[in-house]
Amino acid sequence: MEAILFAIIALIFYTLFQVCIGRTGGEIDANLSAFIFNGLGAIIPITFYFLYRFSKKVSTVPTTKMGVVYSVLGGVAIAVFSIALVKAFEKGGNVSLVIPLVYGGSIVLAALIGSLGYGEKVDPWHMLGLVLISLGFVVIVLANSAKT
């Protein structure tokens, strides 16, 4: 149940992030925007890490070499993602188009990577969800193509 609570908190704040980043296009340089929210995205968690690390009441998860490697790769990925997302909005994309494409597509790609790269099981219900997301992706692209 605790995982679901944190997932809901993540959903709320990630949605807020999406809406805010969607409003930045054409209002600020993509690189500066990425620096601001990634900079804050670094300062806030490191503050919590040190508070937890030196608190007698809370223990941290041990750090491994692979944990650091994946964190660095994820940091590079989020930096490039941030710039590309702001650029998408700068080039005329709107929240109702860009966000479903990026995040719907990332769900499908992540499921494929998990299944093919890490051997995670995808049951028939998950597969149905992935197919529906993919169909939604196609519908959004076709609807946008019809407008232009």
C-alpha atoms as a PDB file:
ATOM      1  CA  MET A   1       0.000   0.000   0.000  1.00  0.00           C
ATOM      2  CA  GLU A   2       2.900   2.344   0.721  1.00  0.00           C
ATOM      3  CA  ALA A   3       4.143   1.878  -2.865  1.00  0.00           C
ATOM      4  CA  ILE A   4       0.754   2.967  -4.203  1.00  0.00           C
ATOM      5  CA  LEU A   5       0.778   6.088  -2.017  1.00  0.00           C
ATOM      6  CA  PHE A   6       4.209   7.085  -3.338  1.00  0.00           C
ATOM      7  CA  ALA A   7       3.088   6.277  -6.893  1.00  0.00           C
ATOM      8  CA  ILE A   8       0.111   8.635  -6.474  1.00  0.00           C
ATOM      9  CA  ILE A   9       2.356  11.382  -5.088  1.00  0.00           C
ATOM     10  CA  ALA A  10       4.728  10.831  -8.041  1.00  0.00           C
ATOM     11  CA  LEU A  11       1.780  10.971 -10.456  1.00  0.00           C
ATOM     12  CA  ILE A  12       0.552  14.276  -9.048  1.00  0.00           C
ATOM     13  CA  PHE A  13       3.959  15.963  -9.128  1.00  0.00           C
ATOM     14  CA  TYR A  14       4.906  14.515 -12.511  1.00  0.00           C
ATOM     15  CA  THR A  15       1.642  15.808 -13.949  1.00  0.00           C
ATOM     16  CA  LEU A  16       2.425  19.229 -12.479  1.00  0.00           C
ATOM     17  CA  PHE A  17       5.892  18.998 -14.054  1.00  0.00           C
ATOM     18  CA  GLN A  18       4.377  18.119 -17.432  1.00  0.00           C
ATOM     19  CA  VAL A  19       1.961  21.037 -17.382  1.00  0.00           C
ATOM     20  CA  CYS A  20       4.679  23.478 -16.270  1.00  0.00           C
ATOM     21  CA  ILE A  21       7.177  22.284 -18.858  1.00  0.00           C
ATOM     22  CA  GLY A  22       4.446  22.470 -21.486  1.00  0.00           C
ATOM     23  CA  ARG A  23       4.000  26.146 -20.725  1.00  0.00           C
ATOM     24  CA  THR A  24       7.749  26.908 -21.093  1.00  0.00           C
ATOM     25  CA  GLY A  25       7.961  26.477 -24.876  1.00  0.00           C
ATOM     26  CA  GLY A  26       8.738  29.842 -26.440  1.00  0.00           C
ATOM     27  CA  GLU A  27       9.002  31.474 -23.004  1.00  0.00           C
ATOM     28  CA  ILE A  28      12.563  30.415 -22.101  1.00  0.00           C
ATOM     29  CA  ASP A  29      15.529  28.785 -23.830  1.00  0.00           C
ATOM     30  CA  ALA A  30      15.220  24.986 -23.622  1.00  0.00           C
ATOM     31  CA  ASN A  31      18.724  24.606 -22.182  1.00  0.00           C
ATOM     32  CA  LEU A  32      18.142  27.186 -19.453  1.00  0.00           C
ATOM     33  CA  SER A  33      14.769  25.660 -18.622  1.00  0.00           C
ATOM     34  CA  ALA A  34      16.300  22.177 -18.382  1.00  0.00           C
ATOM     35  CA  PHE A  35      19.060  23.558 -16.150  1.00  0.00           C
ATOM     36  CA  ILE A  36      16.547  25.177 -13.799  1.00  0.00           C
ATOM     37  CA  PHE A  37      14.278  22.206 -13.249  1.00  0.00           C
ATOM     38  CA  ASN A  38      17.085  19.639 -13.300  1.00  0.00           C
ATOM     39  CA  GLY A  39      19.098  21.828 -10.925  1.00  0.00           C
ATOM     40  CA  LEU A  40      16.206  21.978  -8.503  1.00  0.00           C
ATOM     41  CA  GLY A  41      15.663  18.308  -9.177  1.00  0.00           C
ATOM     42  CA  ALA A  42      19.205  17.742  -7.874  1.00  0.00           C
ATOM     43  CA  ILE A  43      19.186  20.105  -4.903  1.00  0.00           C
ATOM     44  CA  ILE A  44      15.953  18.888  -3.323  1.00  0.00           C
ATOM     45  CA  PRO A  45      16.750  15.141  -3.322  1.00  0.00           C
ATOM     46  CA  ILE A  46      20.349  15.603  -2.120  1.00  0.00           C
ATOM     47  CA  THR A  47      19.004  17.681   0.765  1.00  0.00           C
ATOM     48  CA  PHE A  48      16.617  14.858   1.714  1.00  0.00           C
ATOM     49  CA  TYR A  49      19.394  12.294   1.274  1.00  0.00           C
ATOM     50  CA  PHE A  50      21.660  14.053   3.750  1.00  0.00           C
ATOM     51  CA  LEU A  51      18.797  14.637   6.179  1.00  0.00           C
ATOM     52  CA  TYR A  52      17.943  10.928   6.062  1.00  0.00           C
ATOM     53  CA  ARG A  53      21.584   9.808   6.033  1.00  0.00           C
ATOM     54  CA  PHE A  54      22.467  11.651   9.209  1.00  0.00           C
ATOM     55  CA  SER A  55      19.152  11.099  10.975  1.00  0.00           C
ATOM     56  CA  LYS A  56      19.199   8.419  13.642  1.00  0.00           C
ATOM     57  CA  LYS A  57      15.598   7.478  12.807  1.00  0.00           C
ATOM     58  CA  VAL A  58      15.910   6.774   9.064  1.00  0.00           C
ATOM     59  CA  SER A  59      18.362   4.503   7.281  1.00  0.00           C
ATOM     60  CA  THR A  60      19.310   4.754   3.625  1.00  0.00           C
ATOM     61  CA  VAL A  61      19.632   1.948   1.107  1.00  0.00           C
ATOM     62  CA  PRO A  62      23.264   0.870   0.609  1.00  0.00           C
ATOM     63  CA  THR A  63      24.870   2.357  -2.515  1.00  0.00           C
ATOM     64  CA  THR A  64      26.289  -0.051  -5.100  1.00  0.00           C
ATOM     65  CA  LYS A  65      28.473   0.546  -8.162  1.00  0.00           C
ATOM     66  CA  MET A  66      25.615  -0.398 -10.506  1.00  0.00           C
ATOM     67  CA  GLY A  67      23.289   1.925  -8.627  1.00  0.00           C
ATOM     68  CA  VAL A  68      25.673   4.786  -9.380  1.00  0.00           C
ATOM     69  CA  VAL A  69      26.067   3.723 -13.045  1.00  0.00           C
ATOM     70  CA  TYR A  70      22.300   3.559 -13.592  1.00  0.00           C
ATOM     71  CA  SER A  71      21.854   6.893 -11.811  1.00  0.00           C
ATOM     72  CA  VAL A  72      24.433   8.580 -14.067  1.00  0.00           C
ATOM     73  CA  LEU A  73      22.866   7.099 -17.201  1.00  0.00           C
ATOM     74  CA  GLY A  74      19.429   8.159 -15.959  1.00  0.00           C
ATOM     75  CA  GLY A  75      20.749  11.667 -15.293  1.00  0.00           C
ATOM     76  CA  VAL A  76      22.061  11.956 -18.846  1.00  0.00           C
ATOM     77  CA  ALA A  77      18.764  10.613 -20.175  1.00  0.00           C
ATOM     78  CA  ILE A  78      16.651  13.061 -18.153  1.00  0.00           C
ATOM     79  CA  ALA A  79      18.829  15.997 -19.218  1.00  0.00           C
ATOM     80  CA  VAL A  80      18.474  15.180 -22.927  1.00  0.00           C
ATOM     81  CA  PHE A  81      14.774  14.398 -22.416  1.00  0.00           C
ATOM     82  CA  SER A  82      14.218  17.744 -20.690  1.00  0.00           C
ATOM     83  CA  ILE A  83      15.801  19.728 -23.503  1.00  0.00           C
ATOM     84  CA  ALA A  84      13.973  17.759 -26.208  1.00  0.00           C
ATOM     85  CA  LEU A  85      10.624  18.126 -24.422  1.00  0.00           C
ATOM     86  CA  VAL A  86      10.958  21.900 -24.073  1.00  0.00           C
ATOM     87  CA  LYS A  87      12.025  22.053 -27.751  1.00  0.00           C
ATOM     88  CA  ALA A  88       8.897  20.085 -28.727  1.00  0.00           C
ATOM     89  CA  PHE A  89       6.749  22.724 -27.050  1.00  0.00           C
ATOM     90  CA  GLU A  90       8.902  25.532 -28.479  1.00  0.00           C
ATOM     91  CA  LYS A  91       8.278  24.158 -31.983  1.00  0.00           C
ATOM     92  CA  GLY A  92       4.523  24.344 -31.576  1.00  0.00           C
ATOM     93  CA  GLY A  93       3.560  21.164 -29.794  1.00  0.00           C
ATOM     94  CA  ASN A  94       0.863  21.515 -27.171  1.00  0.00           C
ATOM     95  CA  VAL A  95       0.387  19.662 -23.890  1.00  0.00           C
ATOM     96  CA  SER A  96      -2.545  17.585 -25.164  1.00  0.00           C
ATOM     97  CA  LEU A  97      -0.432  16.294 -28.087  1.00  0.00           C
ATOM     98  CA  VAL A  98       3.157  16.047 -26.849  1.00  0.00           C
ATOM     99  CA  ILE A  99       2.566  14.616 -23.380  1.00  0.00           C
ATOM    100  CA  PRO A 100       0.430  11.629 -24.472  1.00  0.00           C
ATOM    101  CA  LEU A 101       2.881  10.824 -27.266  1.00  0.00           C
ATOM    102  CA  VAL A 102       5.974  11.017 -25.085  1.00  0.00           C
ATOM    103  CA  TYR A 103       4.592   9.279 -22.033  1.00  0.00           C
ATOM    104  CA  GLY A 104       2.396   6.760 -23.835  1.00  0.00           C
ATOM    105  CA  GLY A 105       5.322   5.856 -26.037  1.00  0.00           C
ATOM    106  CA  SER A 106       7.638   5.599 -23.046  1.00  0.00           C
ATOM    107  CA  ILE A 107       5.268   3.141 -21.355  1.00  0.00           C
ATOM    108  CA  VAL A 108       5.340   0.864 -24.390  1.00  0.00           C
ATOM    109  CA  LEU A 109       9.121   1.176 -24.847  1.00  0.00           C
ATOM    110  CA  ALA A 110       9.792   0.585 -21.140  1.00  0.00           C
ATOM    111  CA  ALA A 111       7.601  -2.538 -21.211  1.00  0.00           C
ATOM    112  CA  LEU A 112       9.500  -3.822 -24.256  1.00  0.00           C
ATOM    113  CA  ILE A 113      12.863  -3.149 -22.608  1.00  0.00           C
ATOM    114  CA  GLY A 114      11.693  -4.805 -19.384  1.00  0.00           C
ATOM    115  CA  SER A 115      10.406  -7.837 -21.263  1.00  0.00           C
ATOM    116  CA  LEU A 116      13.155  -8.280 -23.853  1.00  0.00           C
ATOM    117  CA  GLY A 117      16.103  -6.878 -21.919  1.00  0.00           C
ATOM    118  CA  TYR A 118      15.368  -7.999 -18.378  1.00  0.00           C
ATOM    119  CA  GLY A 119      13.088 -10.999 -18.860  1.00  0.00           C
ATOM    120  CA  GLU A 120      10.128  -9.434 -17.063  1.00  0.00           C
ATOM    121  CA  LYS A 121       6.826 -11.171 -17.692  1.00  0.00           C
ATOM    122  CA  VAL A 122       4.090  -9.383 -19.648  1.00  0.00           C
ATOM    123  CA  ASP A 123       0.778 -11.106 -19.014  1.00  0.00           C
ATOM    124  CA  PRO A 124      -2.195 -10.880 -21.413  1.00  0.00           C
ATOM    125  CA  TRP A 125      -3.793  -7.962 -19.511  1.00  0.00           C
ATOM    126  CA  HIS A 126      -0.567  -5.972 -19.669  1.00  0.00           C
ATOM    127  CA  MET A 127      -0.264  -6.793 -23.364  1.00  0.00           C
ATOM    128  CA  LEU A 128      -3.827  -5.569 -23.957  1.00  0.00           C
ATOM    129  CA  GLY A 129      -2.984  -2.312 -22.173  1.00  0.00           C
ATOM    130  CA  LEU A 130       0.155  -1.865 -24.286  1.00  0.00           C
ATOM    131  CA  VAL A 131      -1.798  -2.506 -27.486  1.00  0.00           C
ATOM    132  CA  LEU A 132      -4.443   0.049 -26.457  1.00  0.00           C
ATOM    133  CA  ILE A 133      -1.746   2.621 -25.639  1.00  0.00           C
ATOM    134  CA  SER A 134      -0.133   1.977 -29.029  1.00  0.00           C
ATOM    135  CA  LEU A 135      -3.480   2.403 -30.783  1.00  0.00           C
ATOM    136  CA  GLY A 136      -4.018   5.650 -28.875  1.00  0.00           C
ATOM    137  CA  PHE A 137      -0.575   6.776 -30.007  1.00  0.00           C
ATOM    138  CA  VAL A 138      -1.535   6.111 -33.654  1.00  0.00           C
ATOM    139  CA  VAL A 139      -4.889   7.907 -33.271  1.00  0.00           C
ATOM    140  CA  ILE A 140      -3.208  10.995 -31.766  1.00  0.00           C
ATOM    141  CA  VAL A 141      -0.623  11.126 -34.567  1.00  0.00           C
ATOM    142  CA  LEU A 142      -3.271  10.685 -37.262  1.00  0.00           C
ATOM    143  CA  ALA A 143      -5.526  13.326 -35.684  1.00  0.00           C
ATOM    144  CA  ASN A 144      -2.639  15.769 -35.521  1.00  0.00           C
ATOM    145  CA  SER A 145      -1.648  14.989 -39.131  1.00  0.00           C
ATOM    146  CA  ALA A 146      -5.198  15.727 -40.273  1.00  0.00           C
ATOM    147  CA  LYS A 147      -5.011  19.201 -38.667  1.00  0.00           C
ATOM    148  CA  THR A 148      -1.834  20.209 -40.495  1.00  0.00           C
END
